Amino acid sequence: MGTAGLGGVWGRRDRPASVRTILTALENGITALDTAPAYGDAEEIVGDALKQWRGPMPVISTKAGRLRSYAAEEARYDYSAAGIMNSVYHSLKALGIPAVDVLFLHDPEAVPEEEADNVIGVMQHLKQLGLVKKIGLGGNIPLWMEAAIKTGVFDVIMEFNRLNAGNVAALYDRLPFCQARGMAYYAASPLHMGLLGRNFNVWQQQPPSWLPADRIATAQRLQLIADRHRLSLPVMAHRFLLNIPHAFNIVIGASAPDELEDSLSAFREGPLPAAVYQDILDCNK
């Protein structure tokens, strides 16, 4: 489960309620938590939840490179060696753990190309120190970084808005690439940042600047498919991911207990009928 919303980047959140949401997720079988310094108070909230949790320890991933913020659209970066090292030490303290399971380089497309080797070297050093167990890329990836990926230096890749009902690009490139090389793949934003959920109606009239027009058109076609099969669009979008014939991690992004329950309830319904799954794939052609 992702924690950006719980940390307050989409608006102020009640901290105890955010902690309860994480605990509820763990109680209901969520086995991994993804956070970041850039997600407002998320790391501290995850740390509070872990102090109260008495079950098996979840996999904890965090990020480095993007600085703390309480607004999703605000992006400030520090990819220096000192910045990344300090970020990890702060994360470990906030989370209350001795090592992070996965450290992602946050927003790799924002890394200056000439600094990439140094940044990757720092991440490898942190892994050698035992402060992080695996390293990866967290965010959509620039073309020039593909060469580094092919060297096998990264253990994990997380992309957003590239594997969901509204965009299946990763199904044909990144996901089989990772599977062939034994790399883990995390698919973030199963509802395409809300386009396939609570933001569907408002974004038809006032789309955010980052959202391509063809994504809105795809969402409209998906709504027709959902209507035809008597499904809600968000439920269909969640269940679609269960049909994909590859092993990968789904990163849900609940901001409150009701959103968490909506996601869990949808997944409990299981994969979609094969015909609906095919309709969604065809919709993306």
C-alpha atoms as a PDB file:
ATOM      1  CA  MET A   1       0.000   0.000   0.000  1.00  0.00           C
ATOM      2  CA  GLY A   2       1.238   3.464  -0.868  1.00  0.00           C
ATOM      3  CA  THR A   3       1.095   6.194   1.754  1.00  0.00           C
ATOM      4  CA  ALA A   4       1.226   9.497  -0.139  1.00  0.00           C
ATOM      5  CA  GLY A   5      -2.414  10.297   0.579  1.00  0.00           C
ATOM      6  CA  LEU A   6      -2.123   9.227   4.212  1.00  0.00           C
ATOM      7  CA  GLY A   7       0.859  11.553   4.579  1.00  0.00           C
ATOM      8  CA  GLY A   8      -1.129  14.570   3.433  1.00  0.00           C
ATOM      9  CA  VAL A   9      -0.002  15.365  -0.113  1.00  0.00           C
ATOM     10  CA  TRP A  10      -3.602  15.486  -1.391  1.00  0.00           C
ATOM     11  CA  GLY A  11      -4.808  17.531   1.573  1.00  0.00           C
ATOM     12  CA  ARG A  12      -4.642  17.516   5.361  1.00  0.00           C
ATOM     13  CA  ARG A  13      -5.300  14.179   7.031  1.00  0.00           C
ATOM     14  CA  ASP A  14      -6.041  13.191  10.592  1.00  0.00           C
ATOM     15  CA  ARG A  15      -2.856  11.489  11.764  1.00  0.00           C
ATOM     16  CA  PRO A  16      -4.478   8.921  14.091  1.00  0.00           C
ATOM     17  CA  ALA A  17      -6.897   8.005  11.290  1.00  0.00           C
ATOM     18  CA  SER A  18      -3.972   7.504   8.917  1.00  0.00           C
ATOM     19  CA  VAL A  19      -2.280   5.214  11.441  1.00  0.00           C
ATOM     20  CA  ARG A  20      -5.515   3.246  11.836  1.00  0.00           C
ATOM     21  CA  THR A  21      -5.783   2.902   8.059  1.00  0.00           C
ATOM     22  CA  ILE A  22      -2.318   1.342   7.904  1.00  0.00           C
ATOM     23  CA  LEU A  23      -3.099  -1.034  10.760  1.00  0.00           C
ATOM     24  CA  THR A  24      -6.367  -2.027   9.092  1.00  0.00           C
ATOM     25  CA  ALA A  25      -4.486  -2.702   5.868  1.00  0.00           C
ATOM     26  CA  LEU A  26      -2.013  -4.954   7.668  1.00  0.00           C
ATOM     27  CA  GLU A  27      -4.839  -6.756   9.468  1.00  0.00           C
ATOM     28  CA  ASN A  28      -6.448  -7.442   6.092  1.00  0.00           C
ATOM     29  CA  GLY A  29      -3.450  -9.040   4.467  1.00  0.00           C
ATOM     30  CA  ILE A  30      -1.472  -6.118   3.041  1.00  0.00           C
ATOM     31  CA  THR A  31       2.149  -7.238   3.307  1.00  0.00           C
ATOM     32  CA  ALA A  32       4.092  -4.195   2.067  1.00  0.00           C
ATOM     33  CA  LEU A  33       4.069  -0.454   2.736  1.00  0.00           C
ATOM     34  CA  ASP A  34       5.579   2.103   0.383  1.00  0.00           C
ATOM     35  CA  THR A  35       6.446   5.569   1.613  1.00  0.00           C
ATOM     36  CA  ALA A  36       8.792   8.495   0.921  1.00  0.00           C
ATOM     37  CA  PRO A  37      10.143  11.693   2.480  1.00  0.00           C
ATOM     38  CA  ALA A  38       8.192  13.580  -0.190  1.00  0.00           C
ATOM     39  CA  TYR A  39       4.890  12.224   1.137  1.00  0.00           C
ATOM     40  CA  GLY A  40       4.382  14.766   3.902  1.00  0.00           C
ATOM     41  CA  ASP A  41       4.226  13.012   7.276  1.00  0.00           C
ATOM     42  CA  ALA A  42       3.949   9.536   5.758  1.00  0.00           C
ATOM     43  CA  GLU A  43       7.199   8.069   7.082  1.00  0.00           C
ATOM     44  CA  GLU A  44       6.427   9.137  10.641  1.00  0.00           C
ATOM     45  CA  ILE A  45       2.884   7.790  10.310  1.00  0.00           C
ATOM     46  CA  VAL A  46       4.174   4.441   9.070  1.00  0.00           C
ATOM     47  CA  GLY A  47       6.617   4.438  11.981  1.00  0.00           C
ATOM     48  CA  ASP A  48       3.775   5.059  14.446  1.00  0.00           C
ATOM     49  CA  ALA A  49       1.787   2.207  12.927  1.00  0.00           C
ATOM     50  CA  LEU A  50       4.724  -0.195  13.062  1.00  0.00           C
ATOM     51  CA  LYS A  51       5.175   0.521  16.773  1.00  0.00           C
ATOM     52  CA  GLN A  52       1.600  -0.646  17.359  1.00  0.00           C
ATOM     53  CA  TRP A  53       1.621  -3.580  14.952  1.00  0.00           C
ATOM     54  CA  ARG A  54       2.089  -7.014  16.515  1.00  0.00           C
ATOM     55  CA  GLY A  55       1.892  -9.179  13.405  1.00  0.00           C
ATOM     56  CA  PRO A  56       4.524 -10.158  10.826  1.00  0.00           C
ATOM     57  CA  MET A  57       6.711  -7.271   9.741  1.00  0.00           C
ATOM     58  CA  PRO A  58       5.634  -5.907   6.348  1.00  0.00           C
ATOM     59  CA  VAL A  59       8.075  -5.152   3.562  1.00  0.00           C
ATOM     60  CA  ILE A  60       9.006  -1.472   3.870  1.00  0.00           C
ATOM     61  CA  SER A  61      10.073   0.604   0.899  1.00  0.00           C
ATOM     62  CA  THR A  62      10.932   4.277   0.873  1.00  0.00           C
ATOM     63  CA  LYS A  63      12.605   6.670  -1.518  1.00  0.00           C
ATOM     64  CA  ALA A  64      15.387   9.236  -1.746  1.00  0.00           C
ATOM     65  CA  GLY A  65      16.014  12.249  -3.940  1.00  0.00           C
ATOM     66  CA  ARG A  66      12.703  14.096  -3.710  1.00  0.00           C
ATOM     67  CA  LEU A  67      12.326  16.359  -0.698  1.00  0.00           C
ATOM     68  CA  ARG A  68       9.557  16.591   1.863  1.00  0.00           C
ATOM     69  CA  SER A  69       6.400  18.304   0.694  1.00  0.00           C
ATOM     70  CA  TYR A  70       2.707  18.532   1.515  1.00  0.00           C
ATOM     71  CA  ALA A  71       1.582  19.135  -2.065  1.00  0.00           C
ATOM     72  CA  ALA A  72       1.689  16.459  -4.751  1.00  0.00           C
ATOM     73  CA  GLU A  73       2.445  18.981  -7.480  1.00  0.00           C
ATOM     74  CA  GLU A  74       5.388  20.494  -5.593  1.00  0.00           C
ATOM     75  CA  ALA A  75       8.656  18.811  -6.503  1.00  0.00           C
ATOM     76  CA  ARG A  76      12.042  19.730  -5.019  1.00  0.00           C
ATOM     77  CA  TYR A  77      15.053  17.473  -5.349  1.00  0.00           C
ATOM     78  CA  ASP A  78      18.444  16.731  -3.841  1.00  0.00           C
ATOM     79  CA  TYR A  79      20.309  13.931  -5.593  1.00  0.00           C
ATOM     80  CA  SER A  80      23.678  14.738  -4.029  1.00  0.00           C
ATOM     81  CA  ALA A  81      25.535  11.983  -2.183  1.00  0.00           C
ATOM     82  CA  ALA A  82      25.078  13.756   1.146  1.00  0.00           C
ATOM     83  CA  GLY A  83      21.428  14.404   0.384  1.00  0.00           C
ATOM     84  CA  ILE A  84      20.674  10.761  -0.346  1.00  0.00           C
ATOM     85  CA  MET A  85      22.640   9.489   2.657  1.00  0.00           C
ATOM     86  CA  ASN A  86      20.940  11.942   5.012  1.00  0.00           C
ATOM     87  CA  SER A  87      17.566  11.055   3.525  1.00  0.00           C
ATOM     88  CA  VAL A  88      18.042   7.373   4.289  1.00  0.00           C
ATOM     89  CA  TYR A  89      19.250   8.006   7.842  1.00  0.00           C
ATOM     90  CA  HIS A  90      16.221  10.229   8.466  1.00  0.00           C
ATOM     91  CA  SER A  91      13.911   7.598   6.973  1.00  0.00           C
ATOM     92  CA  LEU A  92      15.288   4.863   9.223  1.00  0.00           C
ATOM     93  CA  LYS A  93      14.772   7.059  12.273  1.00  0.00           C
ATOM     94  CA  ALA A  94      11.245   8.061  11.260  1.00  0.00           C
ATOM     95  CA  LEU A  95      10.255   4.486  10.458  1.00  0.00           C
ATOM     96  CA  GLY A  96      11.937   3.055  13.550  1.00  0.00           C
ATOM     97  CA  ILE A  97      13.660   0.246  11.653  1.00  0.00           C
ATOM     98  CA  PRO A  98      17.345  -0.721  11.233  1.00  0.00           C
ATOM     99  CA  ALA A  99      17.196  -1.199   7.460  1.00  0.00           C
ATOM    100  CA  VAL A 100      14.855  -0.489   4.561  1.00  0.00           C
ATOM    101  CA  ASP A 101      13.775  -3.443   2.441  1.00  0.00           C
ATOM    102  CA  VAL A 102      13.718  -1.386  -0.763  1.00  0.00           C
ATOM    103  CA  LEU A 103      15.164   2.062  -1.461  1.00  0.00           C
ATOM    104  CA  PHE A 104      13.778   3.674  -4.597  1.00  0.00           C
ATOM    105  CA  LEU A 105      15.391   6.553  -6.438  1.00  0.00           C
ATOM    106  CA  HIS A 106      12.461   8.955  -6.461  1.00  0.00           C
ATOM    107  CA  ASP A 107      11.472  10.407  -9.845  1.00  0.00           C
ATOM    108  CA  PRO A 108      14.424   9.150 -11.909  1.00  0.00           C
ATOM    109  CA  GLU A 109      13.361  11.336 -14.830  1.00  0.00           C
ATOM    110  CA  ALA A 110      14.338  14.357 -12.701  1.00  0.00           C
ATOM    111  CA  VAL A 111      17.918  13.135 -12.182  1.00  0.00           C
ATOM    112  CA  PRO A 112      20.441  15.087 -14.287  1.00  0.00           C
ATOM    113  CA  GLU A 113      21.951  12.566 -16.685  1.00  0.00           C
ATOM    114  CA  GLU A 114      25.490  13.611 -15.811  1.00  0.00           C
ATOM    115  CA  GLU A 115      24.838  12.832 -12.118  1.00  0.00           C
ATOM    116  CA  ALA A 116      23.305   9.397 -12.626  1.00  0.00           C
ATOM    117  CA  ASP A 117      26.458   7.324 -12.069  1.00  0.00           C
ATOM    118  CA  ASN A 118      27.186   9.064  -8.760  1.00  0.00           C
ATOM    119  CA  VAL A 119      23.587   8.678  -7.601  1.00  0.00           C
ATOM    120  CA  ILE A 120      23.551   4.974  -8.408  1.00  0.00           C
ATOM    121  CA  GLY A 121      26.914   4.575  -6.689  1.00  0.00           C
ATOM    122  CA  VAL A 122      25.561   6.074  -3.463  1.00  0.00           C
ATOM    123  CA  MET A 123      22.596   3.709  -3.546  1.00  0.00           C
ATOM    124  CA  GLN A 124      24.925   0.740  -4.046  1.00  0.00           C
ATOM    125  CA  HIS A 125      27.026   1.945  -1.117  1.00  0.00           C
ATOM    126  CA  LEU A 126      23.950   2.078   1.124  1.00  0.00           C
ATOM    127  CA  LYS A 127      23.166  -1.481   0.083  1.00  0.00           C
ATOM    128  CA  GLN A 128      26.718  -2.583   0.904  1.00  0.00           C
ATOM    129  CA  LEU A 129      26.383  -0.959   4.333  1.00  0.00           C
ATOM    130  CA  GLY A 130      23.254  -3.021   4.975  1.00  0.00           C
ATOM    131  CA  LEU A 131      21.063   0.047   5.452  1.00  0.00           C
ATOM    132  CA  VAL A 132      18.946  -0.967   2.461  1.00  0.00           C
ATOM    133  CA  LYS A 133      18.399  -4.504   1.204  1.00  0.00           C
ATOM    134  CA  LYS A 134      17.402  -3.740  -2.378  1.00  0.00           C
ATOM    135  CA  ILE A 135      17.584  -0.688  -4.613  1.00  0.00           C
ATOM    136  CA  GLY A 136      15.296   0.390  -7.394  1.00  0.00           C
ATOM    137  CA  LEU A 137      13.731   3.131  -9.462  1.00  0.00           C
ATOM    138  CA  GLY A 138      10.539   4.749  -8.226  1.00  0.00           C
ATOM    139  CA  GLY A 139       8.820   6.682 -10.986  1.00  0.00           C
ATOM    140  CA  ASN A 140       8.713   6.728 -14.735  1.00  0.00           C
ATOM    141  CA  ILE A 141      12.098   6.280 -16.336  1.00  0.00           C
ATOM    142  CA  PRO A 142      13.927   8.392 -18.927  1.00  0.00           C
ATOM    143  CA  LEU A 143      15.216   6.644 -22.029  1.00  0.00           C
ATOM    144  CA  TRP A 144      18.827   7.405 -21.205  1.00  0.00           C
ATOM    145  CA  MET A 145      18.566   5.353 -17.986  1.00  0.00           C
ATOM    146  CA  GLU A 146      17.673   2.151 -19.831  1.00  0.00           C
ATOM    147  CA  ALA A 147      21.349   1.273 -20.256  1.00  0.00           C
ATOM    148  CA  ALA A 148      21.881   1.336 -16.486  1.00  0.00           C
ATOM    149  CA  ILE A 149      18.831  -0.852 -15.936  1.00  0.00           C
ATOM    150  CA  LYS A 150      20.181  -3.463 -18.331  1.00  0.00           C
ATOM    151  CA  THR A 151      23.374  -3.796 -16.281  1.00  0.00           C
ATOM    152  CA  GLY A 152      21.315  -5.388 -13.509  1.00  0.00           C
ATOM    153  CA  VAL A 153      22.223  -2.799 -10.889  1.00  0.00           C
ATOM    154  CA  PHE A 154      18.593  -2.362  -9.813  1.00  0.00           C
ATOM    155  CA  ASP A 155      16.546  -5.018  -8.037  1.00  0.00           C
ATOM    156  CA  VAL A 156      13.126  -3.396  -8.357  1.00  0.00           C
ATOM    157  CA  ILE A 157      11.262  -1.004 -10.638  1.00  0.00           C
ATOM    158  CA  MET A 158       8.114   0.880  -9.688  1.00  0.00           C
ATOM    159  CA  GLU A 159       6.226   2.845 -12.342  1.00  0.00           C
ATOM    160  CA  PHE A 160       2.989   4.784 -12.071  1.00  0.00           C
ATOM    161  CA  ASN A 161       0.159   5.027 -14.581  1.00  0.00           C
ATOM    162  CA  ARG A 162       1.814   2.496 -16.899  1.00  0.00           C
ATOM    163  CA  LEU A 163      -0.038  -0.644 -15.803  1.00  0.00           C
ATOM    164  CA  ASN A 164      -3.716  -0.139 -15.134  1.00  0.00           C
ATOM    165  CA  ALA A 165      -6.972  -0.363 -17.051  1.00  0.00           C
ATOM    166  CA  GLY A 166      -6.321   3.066 -18.562  1.00  0.00           C
ATOM    167  CA  ASN A 167      -2.795   2.349 -19.804  1.00  0.00           C
ATOM    168  CA  VAL A 168      -1.367  -1.111 -20.419  1.00  0.00           C
ATOM    169  CA  ALA A 169       2.010  -0.071 -21.850  1.00  0.00           C
ATOM    170  CA  ALA A 170       4.007  -1.878 -19.152  1.00  0.00           C
ATOM    171  CA  LEU A 171       2.200  -5.119 -19.933  1.00  0.00           C
ATOM    172  CA  TYR A 172       4.127  -5.230 -23.200  1.00  0.00           C
ATOM    173  CA  ASP A 173       7.478  -3.728 -22.216  1.00  0.00           C
ATOM    174  CA  ARG A 174       8.550  -3.200 -18.614  1.00  0.00           C
ATOM    175  CA  LEU A 175       6.717  -6.080 -16.964  1.00  0.00           C
ATOM    176  CA  PRO A 176       8.050  -8.887 -19.197  1.00  0.00           C
ATOM    177  CA  PHE A 177      11.468  -7.174 -19.153  1.00  0.00           C
ATOM    178  CA  CYS A 178      11.568  -7.344 -15.350  1.00  0.00           C
ATOM    179  CA  GLN A 179      10.250 -10.883 -15.242  1.00  0.00           C
ATOM    180  CA  ALA A 180      12.907 -12.094 -17.674  1.00  0.00           C
ATOM    181  CA  ARG A 181      15.648 -10.604 -15.484  1.00  0.00           C
ATOM    182  CA  GLY A 182      14.327 -11.619 -12.084  1.00  0.00           C
ATOM    183  CA  MET A 183      13.503  -8.024 -11.119  1.00  0.00           C
ATOM    184  CA  ALA A 184      10.442  -7.171  -9.048  1.00  0.00           C
ATOM    185  CA  TYR A 185       7.884  -4.834 -10.619  1.00  0.00           C
ATOM    186  CA  TYR A 186       5.587  -2.496  -8.670  1.00  0.00           C
ATOM    187  CA  ALA A 187       2.549  -1.077 -10.488  1.00  0.00           C
ATOM    188  CA  ALA A 188       1.464   2.134  -8.782  1.00  0.00           C
ATOM    189  CA  SER A 189      -1.774   4.053  -9.368  1.00  0.00           C
ATOM    190  CA  PRO A 190      -4.256   1.268 -10.188  1.00  0.00           C
ATOM    191  CA  LEU A 191      -6.913   3.963 -10.668  1.00  0.00           C
ATOM    192  CA  HIS A 192      -4.657   6.211 -12.780  1.00  0.00           C
ATOM    193  CA  MET A 193      -4.298   8.861 -10.047  1.00  0.00           C
ATOM    194  CA  GLY A 194      -8.070   8.847  -9.561  1.00  0.00           C
ATOM    195  CA  LEU A 195      -9.102   9.143 -13.222  1.00  0.00           C
ATOM    196  CA  LEU A 196     -10.748   5.722 -12.957  1.00  0.00           C
ATOM    197  CA  GLY A 197     -12.191   6.565  -9.559  1.00  0.00           C
ATOM    198  CA  ARG A 198     -13.265   9.641  -7.650  1.00  0.00           C
ATOM    199  CA  ASN A 199     -11.816  12.119 -10.170  1.00  0.00           C
ATOM    200  CA  PHE A 200     -13.532  10.678 -13.245  1.00  0.00           C
ATOM    201  CA  ASN A 201     -16.310  13.256 -13.518  1.00  0.00           C
ATOM    202  CA  VAL A 202     -14.424  16.418 -12.599  1.00  0.00           C
ATOM    203  CA  TRP A 203     -11.479  15.600 -14.860  1.00  0.00           C
ATOM    204  CA  GLN A 204     -13.789  15.340 -17.855  1.00  0.00           C
ATOM    205  CA  GLN A 205     -14.361  19.078 -17.470  1.00  0.00           C
ATOM    206  CA  GLN A 206     -11.143  20.223 -15.803  1.00  0.00           C
ATOM    207  CA  PRO A 207      -8.315  17.783 -16.544  1.00  0.00           C
ATOM    208  CA  PRO A 208      -4.985  18.330 -14.769  1.00  0.00           C
ATOM    209  CA  SER A 209      -2.180  19.611 -16.962  1.00  0.00           C
ATOM    210  CA  TRP A 210      -0.189  16.372 -16.711  1.00  0.00           C
ATOM    211  CA  LEU A 211      -3.034  14.165 -17.971  1.00  0.00           C
ATOM    212  CA  PRO A 212      -2.997  13.497 -21.747  1.00  0.00           C
ATOM    213  CA  ALA A 213      -6.315  13.936 -23.539  1.00  0.00           C
ATOM    214  CA  ASP A 214      -6.192  10.397 -24.896  1.00  0.00           C
ATOM    215  CA  ARG A 215      -6.211   9.039 -21.341  1.00  0.00           C
ATOM    216  CA  ILE A 216      -9.532  10.771 -20.707  1.00  0.00           C
ATOM    217  CA  ALA A 217     -10.924   9.297 -23.913  1.00  0.00           C
ATOM    218  CA  THR A 218      -9.768   5.841 -22.808  1.00  0.00           C
ATOM    219  CA  ALA A 219     -11.425   6.327 -19.420  1.00  0.00           C
ATOM    220  CA  GLN A 220     -14.683   7.229 -21.141  1.00  0.00           C
ATOM    221  CA  ARG A 221     -14.536   4.023 -23.186  1.00  0.00           C
ATOM    222  CA  LEU A 222     -13.767   2.054 -20.035  1.00  0.00           C
ATOM    223  CA  GLN A 223     -16.831   3.526 -18.349  1.00  0.00           C
ATOM    224  CA  LEU A 224     -18.956   2.204 -21.220  1.00  0.00           C
ATOM    225  CA  ILE A 225     -17.418  -1.252 -20.783  1.00  0.00           C
ATOM    226  CA  ALA A 226     -18.114  -1.140 -17.053  1.00  0.00           C
ATOM    227  CA  ASP A 227     -21.716  -0.083 -17.665  1.00  0.00           C
ATOM    228  CA  ARG A 228     -22.208  -2.864 -20.203  1.00  0.00           C
ATOM    229  CA  HIS A 229     -21.041  -5.465 -17.700  1.00  0.00           C
ATOM    230  CA  ARG A 230     -22.835  -3.846 -14.741  1.00  0.00           C
ATOM    231  CA  LEU A 231     -19.636  -3.031 -12.904  1.00  0.00           C
ATOM    232  CA  SER A 232     -18.442   0.167 -11.299  1.00  0.00           C
ATOM    233  CA  LEU A 233     -15.425   1.638 -13.065  1.00  0.00           C
ATOM    234  CA  PRO A 234     -13.087   1.520 -10.019  1.00  0.00           C
ATOM    235  CA  VAL A 235     -14.062  -2.062  -9.182  1.00  0.00           C
ATOM    236  CA  MET A 236     -13.451  -3.114 -12.771  1.00  0.00           C
ATOM    237  CA  ALA A 237     -10.088  -1.320 -12.780  1.00  0.00           C
ATOM    238  CA  HIS A 238      -8.946  -3.067  -9.602  1.00  0.00           C
ATOM    239  CA  ARG A 239     -10.050  -6.513 -10.728  1.00  0.00           C
ATOM    240  CA  PHE A 240      -8.415  -6.035 -14.135  1.00  0.00           C
ATOM    241  CA  LEU A 241      -5.001  -6.154 -12.470  1.00  0.00           C
ATOM    242  CA  LEU A 242      -5.738  -9.636 -11.133  1.00  0.00           C
ATOM    243  CA  ASN A 243      -6.098 -10.966 -14.686  1.00  0.00           C
ATOM    244  CA  ILE A 244      -2.604  -9.946 -15.799  1.00  0.00           C
ATOM    245  CA  PRO A 245      -0.566 -13.129 -16.407  1.00  0.00           C
ATOM    246  CA  HIS A 246       2.636 -11.954 -14.735  1.00  0.00           C
ATOM    247  CA  ALA A 247       3.786 -11.754 -11.118  1.00  0.00           C
ATOM    248  CA  PHE A 248       3.989  -8.166  -9.884  1.00  0.00           C
ATOM    249  CA  ASN A 249       3.093  -5.957  -6.931  1.00  0.00           C
ATOM    250  CA  ILE A 250       0.014  -3.727  -6.970  1.00  0.00           C
ATOM    251  CA  VAL A 251       0.479  -0.475  -5.048  1.00  0.00           C
ATOM    252  CA  ILE A 252      -2.912   0.788  -3.912  1.00  0.00           C
ATOM    253  CA  GLY A 253      -3.116   4.349  -2.631  1.00  0.00           C
ATOM    254  CA  ALA A 254      -5.847   4.638  -0.023  1.00  0.00           C
ATOM    255  CA  SER A 255      -6.077   8.016   1.711  1.00  0.00           C
ATOM    256  CA  ALA A 256      -8.701   6.948   4.264  1.00  0.00           C
ATOM    257  CA  PRO A 257     -10.287   3.788   5.711  1.00  0.00           C
ATOM    258  CA  ASP A 258     -13.238   3.857   3.304  1.00  0.00           C
ATOM    259  CA  GLU A 259     -10.937   4.020   0.269  1.00  0.00           C
ATOM    260  CA  LEU A 260      -8.924   1.110   1.637  1.00  0.00           C
ATOM    261  CA  GLU A 261     -12.075  -0.957   2.087  1.00  0.00           C
ATOM    262  CA  ASP A 262     -13.217  -0.115  -1.442  1.00  0.00           C
ATOM    263  CA  SER A 263      -9.945  -1.449  -2.859  1.00  0.00           C
ATOM    264  CA  LEU A 264      -9.893  -4.563  -0.688  1.00  0.00           C
ATOM    265  CA  SER A 265     -13.537  -5.296  -1.474  1.00  0.00           C
ATOM    266  CA  ALA A 266     -12.880  -5.037  -5.209  1.00  0.00           C
ATOM    267  CA  PHE A 267      -9.920  -7.409  -5.022  1.00  0.00           C
ATOM    268  CA  ARG A 268     -11.972  -9.916  -3.012  1.00  0.00           C
ATOM    269  CA  GLU A 269     -14.256 -10.281  -6.034  1.00  0.00           C
ATOM    270  CA  GLY A 270     -11.353 -11.805  -7.936  1.00  0.00           C
ATOM    271  CA  PRO A 271     -10.306 -11.527 -11.577  1.00  0.00           C
ATOM    272  CA  LEU A 272     -12.691 -10.306 -14.248  1.00  0.00           C
ATOM    273  CA  PRO A 273     -14.331 -12.674 -16.721  1.00  0.00           C
ATOM    274  CA  ALA A 274     -11.989 -13.251 -19.651  1.00  0.00           C
ATOM    275  CA  ALA A 275     -14.278 -11.368 -22.040  1.00  0.00           C
ATOM    276  CA  VAL A 276     -14.210  -8.222 -19.881  1.00  0.00           C
ATOM    277  CA  TYR A 277     -10.431  -8.406 -19.556  1.00  0.00           C
ATOM    278  CA  GLN A 278     -10.133  -8.641 -23.330  1.00  0.00           C
ATOM    279  CA  ASP A 279     -12.510  -5.708 -23.788  1.00  0.00           C
ATOM    280  CA  ILE A 280     -10.206  -3.585 -21.626  1.00  0.00           C
ATOM    281  CA  LEU A 281      -7.117  -4.629 -23.576  1.00  0.00           C
ATOM    282  CA  ASP A 282      -8.893  -3.844 -26.845  1.00  0.00           C
ATOM    283  CA  CYS A 283      -9.966  -0.478 -25.444  1.00  0.00           C
ATOM    284  CA  ASN A 284      -6.300   0.443 -25.042  1.00  0.00           C
ATOM    285  CA  LYS A 285      -5.305  -0.308 -28.645  1.00  0.00           C
END
